[in-house]
Amino acid sequence: MTTPPIETLLTIEQAAAMLAVNERMIRRLIETRRIAFVKVGRHVRFRERDVTAAIHAWTIEPRKRTLAKVR
């Protein structure tokens, strides 16, 4: 039986740096449960793939420009 590879867990500071926001914003995301996190005892950690998934989920694609109809 093989064990799955262990993922690196990020701290709040590292997640904030990855998202280019301050730590307070990360704490708000935790409080409102808008980002997946792991509790290790009383510490909060993030899987890198969850932070990356959050970035993709929050990405807003630009609208395609349409030509105005002429009457």
N, C-alpha and C. Protein backbone atom coordinates (compact mmCIF):
# COMPACT_ATOMS: atom_id res chain seq x y z
N MET A 1 0.85 -1.18 0.00
CA MET A 1 0.00 0.00 0.00
C MET A 1 0.89 1.24 0.00
N THR A 2 0.62 2.16 -0.90
CA THR A 2 1.41 3.38 -0.97
C THR A 2 0.66 4.52 -0.31
N THR A 3 1.40 5.41 0.28
CA THR A 3 0.79 6.58 0.91
C THR A 3 0.84 7.73 -0.08
N PRO A 4 -0.19 8.57 -0.08
CA PRO A 4 -0.18 9.71 -0.98
C PRO A 4 0.91 10.70 -0.59
N PRO A 5 1.42 11.45 -1.55
CA PRO A 5 2.46 12.43 -1.21
C PRO A 5 1.91 13.50 -0.27
N ILE A 6 2.73 13.93 0.64
CA ILE A 6 2.32 14.95 1.60
C ILE A 6 2.44 16.32 0.94
N GLU A 7 1.36 17.09 1.06
CA GLU A 7 1.35 18.43 0.49
C GLU A 7 1.95 19.42 1.47
N THR A 8 2.58 20.42 0.94
CA THR A 8 3.10 21.50 1.77
C THR A 8 1.93 22.37 2.22
N LEU A 9 1.89 22.66 3.50
CA LEU A 9 0.85 23.53 4.03
C LEU A 9 1.41 24.94 4.20
N LEU A 10 0.62 25.91 3.80
CA LEU A 10 1.03 27.31 3.88
C LEU A 10 0.47 27.96 5.14
N THR A 11 1.21 28.88 5.69
CA THR A 11 0.74 29.67 6.83
C THR A 11 -0.14 30.80 6.31
N ILE A 12 -0.75 31.52 7.23
CA ILE A 12 -1.56 32.68 6.84
C ILE A 12 -0.69 33.70 6.12
N GLU A 13 0.51 33.89 6.62
CA GLU A 13 1.43 34.87 6.00
C GLU A 13 1.79 34.45 4.57
N GLN A 14 2.05 33.17 4.36
CA GLN A 14 2.41 32.68 3.04
C GLN A 14 1.23 32.75 2.07
N ALA A 15 0.03 32.43 2.55
CA ALA A 15 -1.17 32.53 1.71
C ALA A 15 -1.43 33.98 1.33
N ALA A 16 -1.24 34.89 2.28
CA ALA A 16 -1.43 36.31 2.00
C ALA A 16 -0.44 36.77 0.93
N ALA A 17 0.79 36.33 1.03
CA ALA A 17 1.79 36.70 0.03
C ALA A 17 1.43 36.12 -1.34
N MET A 18 0.93 34.91 -1.37
CA MET A 18 0.56 34.27 -2.63
C MET A 18 -0.60 34.99 -3.30
N LEU A 19 -1.53 35.49 -2.49
CA LEU A 19 -2.70 36.21 -3.02
C LEU A 19 -2.45 37.72 -3.15
N ALA A 20 -1.30 38.17 -2.68
CA ALA A 20 -0.96 39.60 -2.71
C ALA A 20 -1.99 40.44 -1.95
N VAL A 21 -2.36 39.95 -0.76
CA VAL A 21 -3.27 40.68 0.13
C VAL A 21 -2.63 40.68 1.52
N ASN A 22 -3.24 41.43 2.43
CA ASN A 22 -2.69 41.43 3.78
C ASN A 22 -3.29 40.28 4.60
N GLU A 23 -2.70 40.01 5.74
CA GLU A 23 -3.14 38.91 6.59
C GLU A 23 -4.57 39.09 7.09
N ARG A 24 -4.97 40.32 7.28
CA ARG A 24 -6.33 40.60 7.75
C ARG A 24 -7.37 40.09 6.75
N MET A 25 -7.07 40.26 5.46
CA MET A 25 -7.98 39.77 4.42
C MET A 25 -8.08 38.24 4.47
N ILE A 26 -6.97 37.58 4.69
CA ILE A 26 -6.98 36.12 4.80
C ILE A 26 -7.83 35.69 5.99
N ARG A 27 -7.68 36.39 7.10
CA ARG A 27 -8.47 36.05 8.30
C ARG A 27 -9.96 36.26 8.04
N ARG A 28 -10.32 37.27 7.26
CA ARG A 28 -11.73 37.48 6.89
C ARG A 28 -12.24 36.34 6.01
N LEU A 29 -11.40 35.90 5.08
CA LEU A 29 -11.78 34.79 4.21
C LEU A 29 -12.01 33.52 5.02
N ILE A 30 -11.20 33.31 6.05
CA ILE A 30 -11.38 32.16 6.94
C ILE A 30 -12.69 32.29 7.71
N GLU A 31 -12.91 33.47 8.28
CA GLU A 31 -14.10 33.71 9.10
C GLU A 31 -15.38 33.51 8.31
N THR A 32 -15.39 33.93 7.05
CA THR A 32 -16.59 33.81 6.22
C THR A 32 -16.61 32.50 5.42
N ARG A 33 -15.59 31.67 5.65
CA ARG A 33 -15.47 30.36 4.99
C ARG A 33 -15.47 30.47 3.47
N ARG A 34 -14.75 31.46 2.95
CA ARG A 34 -14.66 31.66 1.50
C ARG A 34 -13.40 31.04 0.92
N ILE A 35 -12.58 30.43 1.77
CA ILE A 35 -11.39 29.73 1.31
C ILE A 35 -11.23 28.47 2.16
N ALA A 36 -10.81 27.39 1.51
CA ALA A 36 -10.61 26.13 2.23
C ALA A 36 -9.36 26.24 3.10
N PHE A 37 -9.44 25.68 4.29
CA PHE A 37 -8.28 25.69 5.18
C PHE A 37 -8.24 24.43 6.01
N VAL A 38 -7.10 24.18 6.62
CA VAL A 38 -6.88 22.99 7.44
C VAL A 38 -6.55 23.47 8.85
N LYS A 39 -7.19 22.87 9.84
CA LYS A 39 -6.88 23.18 11.23
C LYS A 39 -5.88 22.15 11.73
N VAL A 40 -4.75 22.62 12.20
CA VAL A 40 -3.73 21.77 12.81
C VAL A 40 -3.63 22.23 14.25
N GLY A 41 -4.34 21.53 15.12
CA GLY A 41 -4.45 22.02 16.49
C GLY A 41 -5.21 23.33 16.47
N ARG A 42 -4.59 24.37 16.97
CA ARG A 42 -5.24 25.69 16.92
C ARG A 42 -4.72 26.56 15.79
N HIS A 43 -3.84 25.99 14.99
CA HIS A 43 -3.25 26.72 13.87
C HIS A 43 -4.06 26.50 12.59
N VAL A 44 -4.07 27.50 11.74
CA VAL A 44 -4.75 27.42 10.45
C VAL A 44 -3.69 27.34 9.36
N ARG A 45 -3.87 26.39 8.46
CA ARG A 45 -2.96 26.21 7.34
C ARG A 45 -3.76 26.05 6.06
N PHE A 46 -3.10 26.27 4.93
CA PHE A 46 -3.74 26.19 3.63
C PHE A 46 -2.95 25.27 2.71
N ARG A 47 -3.67 24.43 1.97
CA ARG A 47 -3.01 23.65 0.93
C ARG A 47 -2.81 24.59 -0.26
N GLU A 48 -1.66 24.49 -0.88
CA GLU A 48 -1.35 25.36 -2.00
C GLU A 48 -2.39 25.21 -3.11
N ARG A 49 -2.87 24.00 -3.33
CA ARG A 49 -3.86 23.79 -4.39
C ARG A 49 -5.18 24.47 -4.07
N ASP A 50 -5.53 24.61 -2.78
CA ASP A 50 -6.76 25.31 -2.40
C ASP A 50 -6.63 26.81 -2.65
N VAL A 51 -5.46 27.36 -2.39
CA VAL A 51 -5.25 28.79 -2.66
C VAL A 51 -5.30 29.03 -4.16
N THR A 52 -4.67 28.15 -4.93
CA THR A 52 -4.70 28.27 -6.39
C THR A 52 -6.13 28.13 -6.91
N ALA A 53 -6.89 27.19 -6.35
CA ALA A 53 -8.29 27.01 -6.76
C ALA A 53 -9.12 28.25 -6.45
N ALA A 54 -8.84 28.88 -5.31
CA ALA A 54 -9.56 30.12 -4.96
C ALA A 54 -9.25 31.22 -5.97
N ILE A 55 -8.01 31.31 -6.40
CA ILE A 55 -7.63 32.31 -7.40
C ILE A 55 -8.43 32.07 -8.68
N HIS A 56 -8.52 30.83 -9.11
CA HIS A 56 -9.27 30.52 -10.33
C HIS A 56 -10.76 30.77 -10.15
N ALA A 57 -11.29 30.46 -8.98
CA ALA A 57 -12.72 30.67 -8.73
C ALA A 57 -13.08 32.15 -8.70
N TRP A 58 -12.17 32.98 -8.26
CA TRP A 58 -12.43 34.41 -8.15
C TRP A 58 -12.07 35.19 -9.40
N THR A 59 -11.52 34.52 -10.41
CA THR A 59 -11.12 35.20 -11.64
C THR A 59 -12.36 35.56 -12.44
N ILE A 60 -12.43 36.80 -12.85
CA ILE A 60 -13.54 37.29 -13.65
C ILE A 60 -13.01 37.57 -15.05
N GLU A 61 -13.57 36.87 -16.02
CA GLU A 61 -13.14 37.04 -17.41
C GLU A 61 -13.77 38.31 -17.98
N PRO A 62 -13.05 38.99 -18.88
CA PRO A 62 -13.61 40.20 -19.48
C PRO A 62 -14.77 39.85 -20.40
N ARG A 63 -15.68 40.79 -20.51
CA ARG A 63 -16.81 40.60 -21.42
C ARG A 63 -16.34 40.78 -22.85
N LYS A 64 -17.02 40.08 -23.73
CA LYS A 64 -16.73 40.26 -25.14
C LYS A 64 -17.46 41.52 -25.59
N ARG A 65 -16.76 42.31 -26.34
CA ARG A 65 -17.36 43.57 -26.81
C ARG A 65 -18.29 43.27 -27.96
N THR A 66 -19.50 43.84 -27.89
CA THR A 66 -20.47 43.67 -28.97
C THR A 66 -20.71 45.02 -29.61
N LEU A 67 -21.00 44.98 -30.85
CA LEU A 67 -21.27 46.23 -31.57
C LEU A 67 -22.71 46.67 -31.28
N ALA A 68 -22.90 47.96 -31.11
CA ALA A 68 -24.22 48.50 -30.84
C ALA A 68 -25.07 48.37 -32.10
N LYS A 69 -26.33 48.03 -31.90
CA LYS A 69 -27.23 47.90 -33.04
C LYS A 69 -27.61 49.29 -33.53
N VAL A 70 -27.62 49.46 -34.83
CA VAL A 70 -28.00 50.74 -35.43
C VAL A 70 -29.45 50.66 -35.82
N ARG A 71 -30.22 51.70 -35.43
CA ARG A 71 -31.66 51.72 -35.75
C ARG A 71 -31.93 52.49 -36.99
